[in-house]
Amino acid sequence: MIKRANILLMADRRQNDEEQIAELLSVASSTIYRTKRDFVEEGKRLGQPRKLDANREALLVSIACSKPLEGRCQWTLSLLTDELIALTEGQAVSKETVRRRLKDTALKPWQKKMWCISSMNAGYVAQMEHVLDIYAEAPDSKRPVINFDEAMKQLVSDVNEPLPVKPGQQAKVDYEYKRAGMANIFMFFDHHRGWRKAKVTQYKKSADFAECMRDWVYKAFPPEEARRILRRLEFNYTPKHASWLNMVEIEIGNMNQQCLNRRMEDRAFLISELAAWESQQNQKKAMINWMFNVHGARTKLTRAYDKLIGQN
């Protein structure tokens, strides 16, 4: 309103020199034109009046904070607008007005944030700090620390042949595809050595997991050392709902972005491409700069818990 008032005041004093007004007030010439037009056509009204009074705005907030309509998983702008009109005896309101009021009240009913604060008991914190203490230990070749987890890859093939990229044209891939099954990927990661191993399997049963442990030890170490380590394997688990503490999750993200973010039609091609990616990363000894420690974890938990308590 202040800016519009200044536009009108300067337009009156400077004989409609719109370029100079635009430069002085840092506004577009179209804004100056609309402000002058509205003033002439509608009198001294500066800016749009509020379309929702306090009662209707409170009702909108109440609707947005309630459960969505039956058969709907979430509120949308259209649903909120229609519901508000229905509950106010047909008083007209636009979706844009609803959007602005939601923005003013910082309400986004179509978004959700996952929480697991209720499970962050003493056992959770103790296990989390145990994992972080392991990460903080100095590298020891006789006591290697290997992160391990699994991921899934859906195998699909193209129904129509993709068109390659050309100068001035993007590559084109038909949205239609044919499913070719699923593949499981077990990932090992040693951040001290910058080493990783991706093993493709058909299943992820306990027997597959056990074979991974055997393969890792015998492929990484000489037979005598491998037998010694097998007898001394020590398993440390991240707490429930805390897979983000597993450093290999970051490496799986790198794998997905750098290698798997495309259509792959069979396991043979998947295995071949993963082997090439794995070799390249191991040659570079690509590391992960893990910055999270016990102090940072305690600070994060305290802030998250305080925020949750404040919301409740």
C-alpha atoms as a PDB file:
ATOM      1  CA  MET A   1       0.000   0.000   0.000  1.00  0.00           C
ATOM      2  CA  ILE A   2       2.857   2.379   0.819  1.00  0.00           C
ATOM      3  CA  LYS A   3       4.499   1.692  -2.536  1.00  0.00           C
ATOM      4  CA  ARG A   4       1.231   2.287  -4.394  1.00  0.00           C
ATOM      5  CA  ALA A   5       0.710   5.516  -2.496  1.00  0.00           C
ATOM      6  CA  ASN A   6       4.209   6.667  -3.451  1.00  0.00           C
ATOM      7  CA  ILE A   7       3.516   5.789  -7.082  1.00  0.00           C
ATOM      8  CA  LEU A   8       0.417   8.010  -7.096  1.00  0.00           C
ATOM      9  CA  LEU A   9       2.173  10.826  -5.239  1.00  0.00           C
ATOM     10  CA  MET A  10       5.166  10.838  -7.588  1.00  0.00           C
ATOM     11  CA  ALA A  11       2.956  10.506 -10.653  1.00  0.00           C
ATOM     12  CA  ASP A  12       1.127  13.644  -9.560  1.00  0.00           C
ATOM     13  CA  ARG A  13       4.364  15.581  -8.951  1.00  0.00           C
ATOM     14  CA  ARG A  14       6.357  14.420 -11.979  1.00  0.00           C
ATOM     15  CA  GLN A  15       3.729  14.708 -14.692  1.00  0.00           C
ATOM     16  CA  ASN A  16       3.479  10.945 -15.341  1.00  0.00           C
ATOM     17  CA  ASP A  17       7.215  10.337 -15.885  1.00  0.00           C
ATOM     18  CA  GLU A  18       6.856   6.573 -15.476  1.00  0.00           C
ATOM     19  CA  GLU A  19      10.466   5.693 -16.296  1.00  0.00           C
ATOM     20  CA  GLN A  20      11.781   7.926 -13.528  1.00  0.00           C
ATOM     21  CA  ILE A  21       9.194   6.623 -11.048  1.00  0.00           C
ATOM     22  CA  ALA A  22      10.063   3.027 -11.910  1.00  0.00           C
ATOM     23  CA  GLU A  23      13.762   3.704 -11.347  1.00  0.00           C
ATOM     24  CA  LEU A  24      13.281   5.547  -8.046  1.00  0.00           C
ATOM     25  CA  LEU A  25      10.836   3.004  -6.561  1.00  0.00           C
ATOM     26  CA  SER A  26      12.336  -0.128  -8.144  1.00  0.00           C
ATOM     27  CA  VAL A  27       9.026  -1.231  -9.647  1.00  0.00           C
ATOM     28  CA  ALA A  28       7.956  -2.346 -13.095  1.00  0.00           C
ATOM     29  CA  SER A  29       6.193   0.042 -15.416  1.00  0.00           C
ATOM     30  CA  SER A  30       3.229  -2.355 -15.500  1.00  0.00           C
ATOM     31  CA  THR A  31       2.798  -1.883 -11.734  1.00  0.00           C
ATOM     32  CA  ILE A  32       2.708   1.885 -12.210  1.00  0.00           C
ATOM     33  CA  TYR A  33       0.132   1.544 -14.980  1.00  0.00           C
ATOM     34  CA  ARG A  34      -2.154  -0.732 -12.941  1.00  0.00           C
ATOM     35  CA  THR A  35      -1.949   1.482  -9.862  1.00  0.00           C
ATOM     36  CA  LYS A  36      -2.906   4.606 -11.820  1.00  0.00           C
ATOM     37  CA  ARG A  37      -5.665   2.749 -13.671  1.00  0.00           C
ATOM     38  CA  ASP A  38      -7.203   1.366 -10.479  1.00  0.00           C
ATOM     39  CA  PHE A  39      -7.094   4.785  -8.857  1.00  0.00           C
ATOM     40  CA  VAL A  40      -8.901   6.381 -11.789  1.00  0.00           C
ATOM     41  CA  GLU A  41     -11.457   3.620 -12.288  1.00  0.00           C
ATOM     42  CA  GLU A  42     -12.221   2.703  -8.687  1.00  0.00           C
ATOM     43  CA  GLY A  43     -11.415   5.769  -6.649  1.00  0.00           C
ATOM     44  CA  LYS A  44      -8.877   5.941  -3.841  1.00  0.00           C
ATOM     45  CA  ARG A  45      -8.767   2.202  -3.101  1.00  0.00           C
ATOM     46  CA  LEU A  46      -5.117   1.146  -2.714  1.00  0.00           C
ATOM     47  CA  GLY A  47      -4.594  -2.604  -2.963  1.00  0.00           C
ATOM     48  CA  GLN A  48      -7.152  -5.351  -2.727  1.00  0.00           C
ATOM     49  CA  PRO A  49      -9.255  -5.577   0.435  1.00  0.00           C
ATOM     50  CA  ARG A  50      -9.135  -8.800   2.400  1.00  0.00           C
ATOM     51  CA  LYS A  51     -11.476 -11.314   0.846  1.00  0.00           C
ATOM     52  CA  LEU A  52     -11.830 -13.268   4.106  1.00  0.00           C
ATOM     53  CA  ASP A  53     -12.887 -11.743   7.387  1.00  0.00           C
ATOM     54  CA  ALA A  54     -11.503 -13.047  10.682  1.00  0.00           C
ATOM     55  CA  ASN A  55     -14.263 -15.623  11.115  1.00  0.00           C
ATOM     56  CA  ARG A  56     -13.918 -17.129   7.640  1.00  0.00           C
ATOM     57  CA  GLU A  57     -10.137 -17.181   7.930  1.00  0.00           C
ATOM     58  CA  ALA A  58     -10.409 -19.028  11.259  1.00  0.00           C
ATOM     59  CA  LEU A  59     -12.780 -21.493   9.616  1.00  0.00           C
ATOM     60  CA  LEU A  60     -10.324 -22.055   6.765  1.00  0.00           C
ATOM     61  CA  VAL A  61      -7.526 -22.796   9.242  1.00  0.00           C
ATOM     62  CA  SER A  62      -9.810 -25.196  11.101  1.00  0.00           C
ATOM     63  CA  ILE A  63     -10.675 -27.059   7.884  1.00  0.00           C
ATOM     64  CA  ALA A  64      -7.042 -27.270   6.788  1.00  0.00           C
ATOM     65  CA  CYS A  65      -6.063 -28.763  10.177  1.00  0.00           C
ATOM     66  CA  SER A  66      -8.833 -31.366  10.094  1.00  0.00           C
ATOM     67  CA  LYS A  67      -8.907 -34.778   8.416  1.00  0.00           C
ATOM     68  CA  PRO A  68      -9.502 -34.598   4.649  1.00  0.00           C
ATOM     69  CA  LEU A  69     -12.825 -35.566   3.121  1.00  0.00           C
ATOM     70  CA  GLU A  70     -13.803 -39.199   2.914  1.00  0.00           C
ATOM     71  CA  GLY A  71     -12.128 -40.837  -0.052  1.00  0.00           C
ATOM     72  CA  ARG A  72      -9.317 -38.240  -0.120  1.00  0.00           C
ATOM     73  CA  CYS A  73      -5.801 -38.668   1.239  1.00  0.00           C
ATOM     74  CA  GLN A  74      -5.072 -34.963   1.641  1.00  0.00           C
ATOM     75  CA  TRP A  75      -6.500 -31.474   1.291  1.00  0.00           C
ATOM     76  CA  THR A  76      -5.860 -29.562  -1.923  1.00  0.00           C
ATOM     77  CA  LEU A  77      -6.535 -25.909  -2.727  1.00  0.00           C
ATOM     78  CA  SER A  78      -9.616 -26.879  -4.724  1.00  0.00           C
ATOM     79  CA  LEU A  79     -11.007 -29.071  -1.954  1.00  0.00           C
ATOM     80  CA  LEU A  80     -10.355 -26.442   0.714  1.00  0.00           C
ATOM     81  CA  THR A  81     -11.993 -23.736  -1.412  1.00  0.00           C
ATOM     82  CA  ASP A  82     -15.084 -25.845  -2.111  1.00  0.00           C
ATOM     83  CA  GLU A  83     -15.424 -26.862   1.548  1.00  0.00           C
ATOM     84  CA  LEU A  84     -15.089 -23.265   2.741  1.00  0.00           C
ATOM     85  CA  ILE A  85     -17.777 -22.113   0.310  1.00  0.00           C
ATOM     86  CA  ALA A  86     -20.060 -24.955   1.377  1.00  0.00           C
ATOM     87  CA  LEU A  87     -19.676 -24.131   5.067  1.00  0.00           C
ATOM     88  CA  THR A  88     -20.277 -20.391   4.579  1.00  0.00           C
ATOM     89  CA  GLU A  89     -23.563 -20.685   2.705  1.00  0.00           C
ATOM     90  CA  GLY A  90     -22.074 -20.214  -0.724  1.00  0.00           C
ATOM     91  CA  GLN A  91     -20.055 -17.038  -0.116  1.00  0.00           C
ATOM     92  CA  ALA A  92     -17.708 -16.837  -3.071  1.00  0.00           C
ATOM     93  CA  VAL A  93     -13.951 -17.157  -2.587  1.00  0.00           C
ATOM     94  CA  SER A  94     -11.177 -17.945  -5.045  1.00  0.00           C
ATOM     95  CA  LYS A  95      -8.441 -20.550  -4.812  1.00  0.00           C
ATOM     96  CA  GLU A  96      -5.881 -17.751  -4.950  1.00  0.00           C
ATOM     97  CA  THR A  97      -7.393 -16.169  -1.837  1.00  0.00           C
ATOM     98  CA  VAL A  98      -7.262 -19.511  -0.043  1.00  0.00           C
ATOM     99  CA  ARG A  99      -3.642 -19.998  -1.143  1.00  0.00           C
ATOM    100  CA  ARG A 100      -2.631 -16.584   0.194  1.00  0.00           C
ATOM    101  CA  ARG A 101      -4.332 -17.126   3.541  1.00  0.00           C
ATOM    102  CA  LEU A 102      -2.626 -20.508   3.924  1.00  0.00           C
ATOM    103  CA  LYS A 103       0.692 -18.893   3.081  1.00  0.00           C
ATOM    104  CA  ASP A 104       0.109 -16.162   5.674  1.00  0.00           C
ATOM    105  CA  THR A 105      -0.606 -18.777   8.324  1.00  0.00           C
ATOM    106  CA  ALA A 106       2.250 -21.063   7.182  1.00  0.00           C
ATOM    107  CA  LEU A 107      -0.191 -23.935   6.606  1.00  0.00           C
ATOM    108  CA  LYS A 108       0.644 -26.676   4.087  1.00  0.00           C
ATOM    109  CA  PRO A 109      -1.918 -29.439   4.678  1.00  0.00           C
ATOM    110  CA  TRP A 110      -0.719 -31.419   1.635  1.00  0.00           C
ATOM    111  CA  GLN A 111       2.736 -31.901   3.164  1.00  0.00           C
ATOM    112  CA  LYS A 112       3.769 -34.403   5.812  1.00  0.00           C
ATOM    113  CA  LYS A 113       6.919 -34.821   7.851  1.00  0.00           C
ATOM    114  CA  MET A 114       7.902 -38.168   9.305  1.00  0.00           C
ATOM    115  CA  TRP A 115       8.729 -38.278  13.018  1.00  0.00           C
ATOM    116  CA  CYS A 116      10.043 -41.049  15.210  1.00  0.00           C
ATOM    117  CA  ILE A 117      10.587 -39.053  18.396  1.00  0.00           C
ATOM    118  CA  SER A 118       8.450 -41.503  20.379  1.00  0.00           C
ATOM    119  CA  SER A 119      11.051 -44.224  19.775  1.00  0.00           C
ATOM    120  CA  MET A 120      13.985 -42.061  20.865  1.00  0.00           C
ATOM    121  CA  ASN A 121      14.275 -43.526  24.326  1.00  0.00           C
ATOM    122  CA  ALA A 122      17.425 -44.178  26.313  1.00  0.00           C
ATOM    123  CA  GLY A 123      18.153 -47.355  24.345  1.00  0.00           C
ATOM    124  CA  TYR A 124      17.823 -45.500  21.041  1.00  0.00           C
ATOM    125  CA  VAL A 125      20.212 -42.749  22.130  1.00  0.00           C
ATOM    126  CA  ALA A 126      22.721 -45.213  23.567  1.00  0.00           C
ATOM    127  CA  GLN A 127      22.816 -47.278  20.367  1.00  0.00           C
ATOM    128  CA  MET A 128      23.079 -44.156  18.216  1.00  0.00           C
ATOM    129  CA  GLU A 129      26.034 -42.867  20.244  1.00  0.00           C
ATOM    130  CA  HIS A 130      27.641 -46.311  20.101  1.00  0.00           C
ATOM    131  CA  VAL A 131      27.564 -46.212  16.286  1.00  0.00           C
ATOM    132  CA  LEU A 132      28.971 -42.678  16.252  1.00  0.00           C
ATOM    133  CA  ASP A 133      31.761 -43.691  18.642  1.00  0.00           C
ATOM    134  CA  ILE A 134      32.747 -46.468  16.216  1.00  0.00           C
ATOM    135  CA  TYR A 135      32.939 -43.929  13.388  1.00  0.00           C
ATOM    136  CA  ALA A 136      35.162 -41.720  15.546  1.00  0.00           C
ATOM    137  CA  GLU A 137      37.745 -44.468  16.156  1.00  0.00           C
ATOM    138  CA  ALA A 138      41.098 -44.208  14.392  1.00  0.00           C
ATOM    139  CA  PRO A 139      41.520 -46.508  11.342  1.00  0.00           C
ATOM    140  CA  ASP A 140      42.852 -49.952  12.269  1.00  0.00           C
ATOM    141  CA  SER A 141      43.749 -52.424   9.515  1.00  0.00           C
ATOM    142  CA  LYS A 142      43.302 -55.314  11.970  1.00  0.00           C
ATOM    143  CA  ARG A 143      39.836 -54.136  12.922  1.00  0.00           C
ATOM    144  CA  PRO A 144      38.172 -52.817   9.737  1.00  0.00           C
ATOM    145  CA  VAL A 145      34.785 -51.114  10.005  1.00  0.00           C
ATOM    146  CA  ILE A 146      32.449 -52.051   7.152  1.00  0.00           C
ATOM    147  CA  ASN A 147      29.003 -50.534   6.633  1.00  0.00           C
ATOM    148  CA  PHE A 148      26.431 -52.846   5.086  1.00  0.00           C
ATOM    149  CA  ASP A 149      22.892 -52.427   3.763  1.00  0.00           C
ATOM    150  CA  GLU A 150      20.689 -53.336   0.832  1.00  0.00           C
ATOM    151  CA  ALA A 151      18.753 -51.567  -1.908  1.00  0.00           C
ATOM    152  CA  MET A 152      16.294 -52.566  -4.609  1.00  0.00           C
ATOM    153  CA  LYS A 153      16.363 -51.886  -8.343  1.00  0.00           C
ATOM    154  CA  GLN A 154      13.345 -52.396 -10.598  1.00  0.00           C
ATOM    155  CA  LEU A 155      14.399 -53.791 -13.964  1.00  0.00           C
ATOM    156  CA  VAL A 156      12.547 -52.349 -16.941  1.00  0.00           C
ATOM    157  CA  SER A 157      13.014 -52.380 -20.704  1.00  0.00           C
ATOM    158  CA  ASP A 158      11.973 -49.907 -23.372  1.00  0.00           C
ATOM    159  CA  VAL A 159       8.938 -50.725 -25.487  1.00  0.00           C
ATOM    160  CA  ASN A 160      10.066 -48.243 -28.171  1.00  0.00           C
ATOM    161  CA  GLU A 161      13.666 -47.484 -29.037  1.00  0.00           C
ATOM    162  CA  PRO A 162      14.901 -44.274 -27.328  1.00  0.00           C
ATOM    163  CA  LEU A 163      16.093 -41.410 -29.531  1.00  0.00           C
ATOM    164  CA  PRO A 164      19.673 -40.293 -28.786  1.00  0.00           C
ATOM    165  CA  VAL A 165      20.685 -36.756 -27.921  1.00  0.00           C
ATOM    166  CA  LYS A 166      21.534 -34.441 -30.821  1.00  0.00           C
ATOM    167  CA  PRO A 167      22.869 -30.885 -31.039  1.00  0.00           C
ATOM    168  CA  GLY A 168      20.026 -28.666 -29.940  1.00  0.00           C
ATOM    169  CA  GLN A 169      17.816 -31.641 -28.980  1.00  0.00           C
ATOM    170  CA  GLN A 170      17.463 -33.633 -25.792  1.00  0.00           C
ATOM    171  CA  ALA A 171      17.416 -37.420 -25.757  1.00  0.00           C
ATOM    172  CA  LYS A 172      13.862 -38.768 -25.923  1.00  0.00           C
ATOM    173  CA  VAL A 173      12.582 -41.786 -23.995  1.00  0.00           C
ATOM    174  CA  ASP A 174       9.069 -43.101 -24.396  1.00  0.00           C
ATOM    175  CA  TYR A 175       7.122 -43.018 -21.138  1.00  0.00           C
ATOM    176  CA  GLU A 176       5.894 -46.558 -21.810  1.00  0.00           C
ATOM    177  CA  TYR A 177       8.091 -49.361 -20.520  1.00  0.00           C
ATOM    178  CA  LYS A 178       7.981 -53.082 -19.769  1.00  0.00           C
ATOM    179  CA  ARG A 179       8.691 -54.486 -16.312  1.00  0.00           C
ATOM    180  CA  ALA A 180      11.419 -57.122 -16.148  1.00  0.00           C
ATOM    181  CA  GLY A 181      11.462 -58.016 -12.459  1.00  0.00           C
ATOM    182  CA  MET A 182      13.328 -56.804  -9.380  1.00  0.00           C
ATOM    183  CA  ALA A 183      16.933 -57.151  -8.267  1.00  0.00           C
ATOM    184  CA  ASN A 184      18.394 -56.815  -4.796  1.00  0.00           C
ATOM    185  CA  ILE A 185      21.713 -55.052  -4.261  1.00  0.00           C
ATOM    186  CA  PHE A 186      23.814 -55.635  -1.146  1.00  0.00           C
ATOM    187  CA  MET A 187      26.286 -52.810  -0.563  1.00  0.00           C
ATOM    188  CA  PHE A 188      29.502 -52.930   1.479  1.00  0.00           C
ATOM    189  CA  PHE A 189      31.373 -49.724   2.249  1.00  0.00           C
ATOM    190  CA  ASP A 190      34.656 -49.066   4.066  1.00  0.00           C
ATOM    191  CA  HIS A 191      35.001 -45.311   4.423  1.00  0.00           C
ATOM    192  CA  HIS A 192      38.541 -45.551   5.848  1.00  0.00           C
ATOM    193  CA  ARG A 193      39.832 -47.160   2.641  1.00  0.00           C
ATOM    194  CA  GLY A 194      37.377 -45.629   0.174  1.00  0.00           C
ATOM    195  CA  TRP A 195      36.304 -49.131  -0.855  1.00  0.00           C
ATOM    196  CA  ARG A 196      32.871 -50.406  -1.800  1.00  0.00           C
ATOM    197  CA  LYS A 197      31.336 -53.600  -3.160  1.00  0.00           C
ATOM    198  CA  ALA A 198      27.890 -53.916  -4.751  1.00  0.00           C
ATOM    199  CA  LYS A 199      26.579 -57.477  -4.996  1.00  0.00           C
ATOM    200  CA  VAL A 200      23.427 -58.200  -7.012  1.00  0.00           C
ATOM    201  CA  THR A 201      21.192 -61.016  -5.774  1.00  0.00           C
ATOM    202  CA  GLN A 202      17.733 -62.244  -6.629  1.00  0.00           C
ATOM    203  CA  TYR A 203      16.625 -62.365  -3.001  1.00  0.00           C
ATOM    204  CA  LYS A 204      17.572 -60.781   0.315  1.00  0.00           C
ATOM    205  CA  LYS A 205      17.028 -63.711   2.648  1.00  0.00           C
ATOM    206  CA  SER A 206      19.167 -64.596   5.657  1.00  0.00           C
ATOM    207  CA  ALA A 207      21.156 -67.069   3.554  1.00  0.00           C
ATOM    208  CA  ASP A 208      21.983 -64.310   1.047  1.00  0.00           C
ATOM    209  CA  PHE A 209      23.125 -62.087   3.900  1.00  0.00           C
ATOM    210  CA  ALA A 210      25.341 -64.855   5.327  1.00  0.00           C
ATOM    211  CA  GLU A 211      26.928 -65.444   1.930  1.00  0.00           C
ATOM    212  CA  CYS A 212      27.695 -61.730   1.678  1.00  0.00           C
ATOM    213  CA  MET A 213      29.578 -61.862   4.983  1.00  0.00           C
ATOM    214  CA  ARG A 214      31.583 -64.855   3.783  1.00  0.00           C
ATOM    215  CA  ASP A 215      32.333 -63.317   0.362  1.00  0.00           C
ATOM    216  CA  TRP A 216      33.425 -60.017   1.852  1.00  0.00           C
ATOM    217  CA  VAL A 217      35.912 -61.571   4.252  1.00  0.00           C
ATOM    218  CA  TYR A 218      37.475 -63.997   1.776  1.00  0.00           C
ATOM    219  CA  LYS A 219      37.682 -61.481  -1.066  1.00  0.00           C
ATOM    220  CA  ALA A 220      39.173 -58.744   1.069  1.00  0.00           C
ATOM    221  CA  PHE A 221      41.769 -60.742   3.019  1.00  0.00           C
ATOM    222  CA  PRO A 222      44.130 -63.716   2.657  1.00  0.00           C
ATOM    223  CA  PRO A 223      42.677 -67.115   3.725  1.00  0.00           C
ATOM    224  CA  GLU A 224      44.304 -67.249   7.174  1.00  0.00           C
ATOM    225  CA  GLU A 225      43.315 -63.669   7.982  1.00  0.00           C
ATOM    226  CA  ALA A 226      39.836 -64.280   6.605  1.00  0.00           C
ATOM    227  CA  ARG A 227      39.281 -67.261   8.893  1.00  0.00           C
ATOM    228  CA  ARG A 228      40.496 -65.270  11.860  1.00  0.00           C
ATOM    229  CA  ILE A 229      38.128 -62.399  11.081  1.00  0.00           C
ATOM    230  CA  LEU A 230      35.172 -64.714  10.470  1.00  0.00           C
ATOM    231  CA  ARG A 231      35.583 -65.998  14.018  1.00  0.00           C
ATOM    232  CA  ARG A 232      35.703 -62.455  15.321  1.00  0.00           C
ATOM    233  CA  LEU A 233      33.055 -60.658  13.306  1.00  0.00           C
ATOM    234  CA  GLU A 234      31.265 -58.103  15.453  1.00  0.00           C
ATOM    235  CA  PHE A 235      27.864 -56.785  14.344  1.00  0.00           C
ATOM    236  CA  ASN A 236      26.702 -53.311  15.348  1.00  0.00           C
ATOM    237  CA  TYR A 237      23.205 -52.218  14.394  1.00  0.00           C
ATOM    238  CA  THR A 238      21.711 -48.777  13.937  1.00  0.00           C
ATOM    239  CA  PRO A 239      18.606 -48.093  16.056  1.00  0.00           C
ATOM    240  CA  LYS A 240      15.174 -48.606  14.549  1.00  0.00           C
ATOM    241  CA  HIS A 241      14.139 -45.654  12.325  1.00  0.00           C
ATOM    242  CA  ALA A 242      17.766 -44.490  12.155  1.00  0.00           C
ATOM    243  CA  SER A 243      19.108 -45.932   8.913  1.00  0.00           C
ATOM    244  CA  TRP A 244      20.492 -42.438   8.241  1.00  0.00           C
ATOM    245  CA  LEU A 245      23.201 -43.357  10.775  1.00  0.00           C
ATOM    246  CA  ASN A 246      24.452 -46.044   8.415  1.00  0.00           C
ATOM    247  CA  MET A 247      27.126 -44.396   6.297  1.00  0.00           C
ATOM    248  CA  VAL A 248      26.479 -46.839   3.460  1.00  0.00           C
ATOM    249  CA  GLU A 249      23.113 -45.128   2.882  1.00  0.00           C
ATOM    250  CA  ILE A 250      25.039 -42.183   1.450  1.00  0.00           C
ATOM    251  CA  GLU A 251      26.994 -44.493  -0.832  1.00  0.00           C
ATOM    252  CA  ILE A 252      23.762 -46.150  -1.983  1.00  0.00           C
ATOM    253  CA  GLY A 253      22.499 -42.675  -2.850  1.00  0.00           C
ATOM    254  CA  ASN A 254      25.677 -42.065  -4.855  1.00  0.00           C
ATOM    255  CA  MET A 255      25.189 -45.398  -6.633  1.00  0.00           C
ATOM    256  CA  ASN A 256      21.601 -44.553  -7.530  1.00  0.00           C
ATOM    257  CA  GLN A 257      22.496 -41.100  -8.836  1.00  0.00           C
ATOM    258  CA  GLN A 258      25.695 -41.984 -10.661  1.00  0.00           C
ATOM    259  CA  CYS A 259      24.861 -45.431 -12.054  1.00  0.00           C
ATOM    260  CA  LEU A 260      21.293 -46.663 -11.602  1.00  0.00           C
ATOM    261  CA  ASN A 261      19.257 -43.592 -12.524  1.00  0.00           C
ATOM    262  CA  ARG A 262      18.151 -45.057 -15.860  1.00  0.00           C
ATOM    263  CA  ARG A 263      16.267 -48.005 -17.290  1.00  0.00           C
ATOM    264  CA  MET A 264      18.045 -51.361 -16.995  1.00  0.00           C
ATOM    265  CA  GLU A 265      16.411 -54.335 -18.621  1.00  0.00           C
ATOM    266  CA  ASP A 266      18.190 -57.359 -17.134  1.00  0.00           C
ATOM    267  CA  ARG A 267      20.408 -58.477 -14.278  1.00  0.00           C
ATOM    268  CA  ALA A 268      23.412 -59.097 -16.517  1.00  0.00           C
ATOM    269  CA  PHE A 269      23.464 -55.460 -17.622  1.00  0.00           C
ATOM    270  CA  LEU A 270      22.893 -54.291 -14.043  1.00  0.00           C
ATOM    271  CA  ILE A 271      25.797 -56.399 -12.755  1.00  0.00           C
ATOM    272  CA  SER A 272      28.107 -55.212 -15.555  1.00  0.00           C
ATOM    273  CA  GLU A 273      27.340 -51.525 -15.013  1.00  0.00           C
ATOM    274  CA  LEU A 274      27.631 -51.776 -11.243  1.00  0.00           C
ATOM    275  CA  ALA A 275      31.018 -53.487 -11.611  1.00  0.00           C
ATOM    276  CA  ALA A 276      32.270 -50.628 -13.816  1.00  0.00           C
ATOM    277  CA  TRP A 277      30.979 -47.976 -11.405  1.00  0.00           C
ATOM    278  CA  GLU A 278      32.408 -49.827  -8.411  1.00  0.00           C
ATOM    279  CA  SER A 279      35.832 -50.126 -10.061  1.00  0.00           C
ATOM    280  CA  GLN A 280      35.942 -46.431 -10.909  1.00  0.00           C
ATOM    281  CA  GLN A 281      34.986 -45.400  -7.376  1.00  0.00           C
ATOM    282  CA  ASN A 282      37.481 -47.790  -5.784  1.00  0.00           C
ATOM    283  CA  GLN A 283      40.302 -46.585  -8.012  1.00  0.00           C
ATOM    284  CA  LYS A 284      39.605 -43.039  -6.864  1.00  0.00           C
ATOM    285  CA  LYS A 285      39.206 -44.251  -3.265  1.00  0.00           C
ATOM    286  CA  ALA A 286      36.142 -42.044  -3.079  1.00  0.00           C
ATOM    287  CA  MET A 287      35.457 -41.166   0.559  1.00  0.00           C
ATOM    288  CA  ILE A 288      32.521 -39.809   2.560  1.00  0.00           C
ATOM    289  CA  ASN A 289      33.202 -36.783   4.737  1.00  0.00           C
ATOM    290  CA  TRP A 290      31.138 -37.819   7.758  1.00  0.00           C
ATOM    291  CA  MET A 291      30.620 -34.732   9.961  1.00  0.00           C
ATOM    292  CA  PHE A 292      28.053 -36.058  12.443  1.00  0.00           C
ATOM    293  CA  ASN A 293      29.340 -36.884  15.936  1.00  0.00           C
ATOM    294  CA  VAL A 294      27.958 -37.554  19.423  1.00  0.00           C
ATOM    295  CA  HIS A 295      27.803 -33.864  20.324  1.00  0.00           C
ATOM    296  CA  GLY A 296      25.980 -33.003  17.110  1.00  0.00           C
ATOM    297  CA  ALA A 297      23.568 -35.886  17.631  1.00  0.00           C
ATOM    298  CA  ARG A 298      22.652 -34.764  21.133  1.00  0.00           C
ATOM    299  CA  THR A 299      22.089 -31.214  19.928  1.00  0.00           C
ATOM    300  CA  LYS A 300      19.900 -32.399  17.060  1.00  0.00           C
ATOM    301  CA  LEU A 301      17.824 -34.654  19.299  1.00  0.00           C
ATOM    302  CA  THR A 302      17.321 -31.904  21.861  1.00  0.00           C
ATOM    303  CA  ARG A 303      16.120 -29.447  19.222  1.00  0.00           C
ATOM    304  CA  ALA A 304      13.829 -31.999  17.571  1.00  0.00           C
ATOM    305  CA  TYR A 305      12.314 -33.023  20.908  1.00  0.00           C
ATOM    306  CA  ASP A 306      11.805 -29.394  22.010  1.00  0.00           C
ATOM    307  CA  LYS A 307      10.146 -28.602  18.688  1.00  0.00           C
ATOM    308  CA  LEU A 308       7.796 -31.569  18.985  1.00  0.00           C
ATOM    309  CA  ILE A 309       6.862 -30.681  22.559  1.00  0.00           C
ATOM    310  CA  GLY A 310       6.226 -27.087  21.488  1.00  0.00           C
ATOM    311  CA  GLN A 311       3.926 -28.214  18.674  1.00  0.00           C
ATOM    312  CA  ASN A 312       1.945 -30.389  21.058  1.00  0.00           C
END
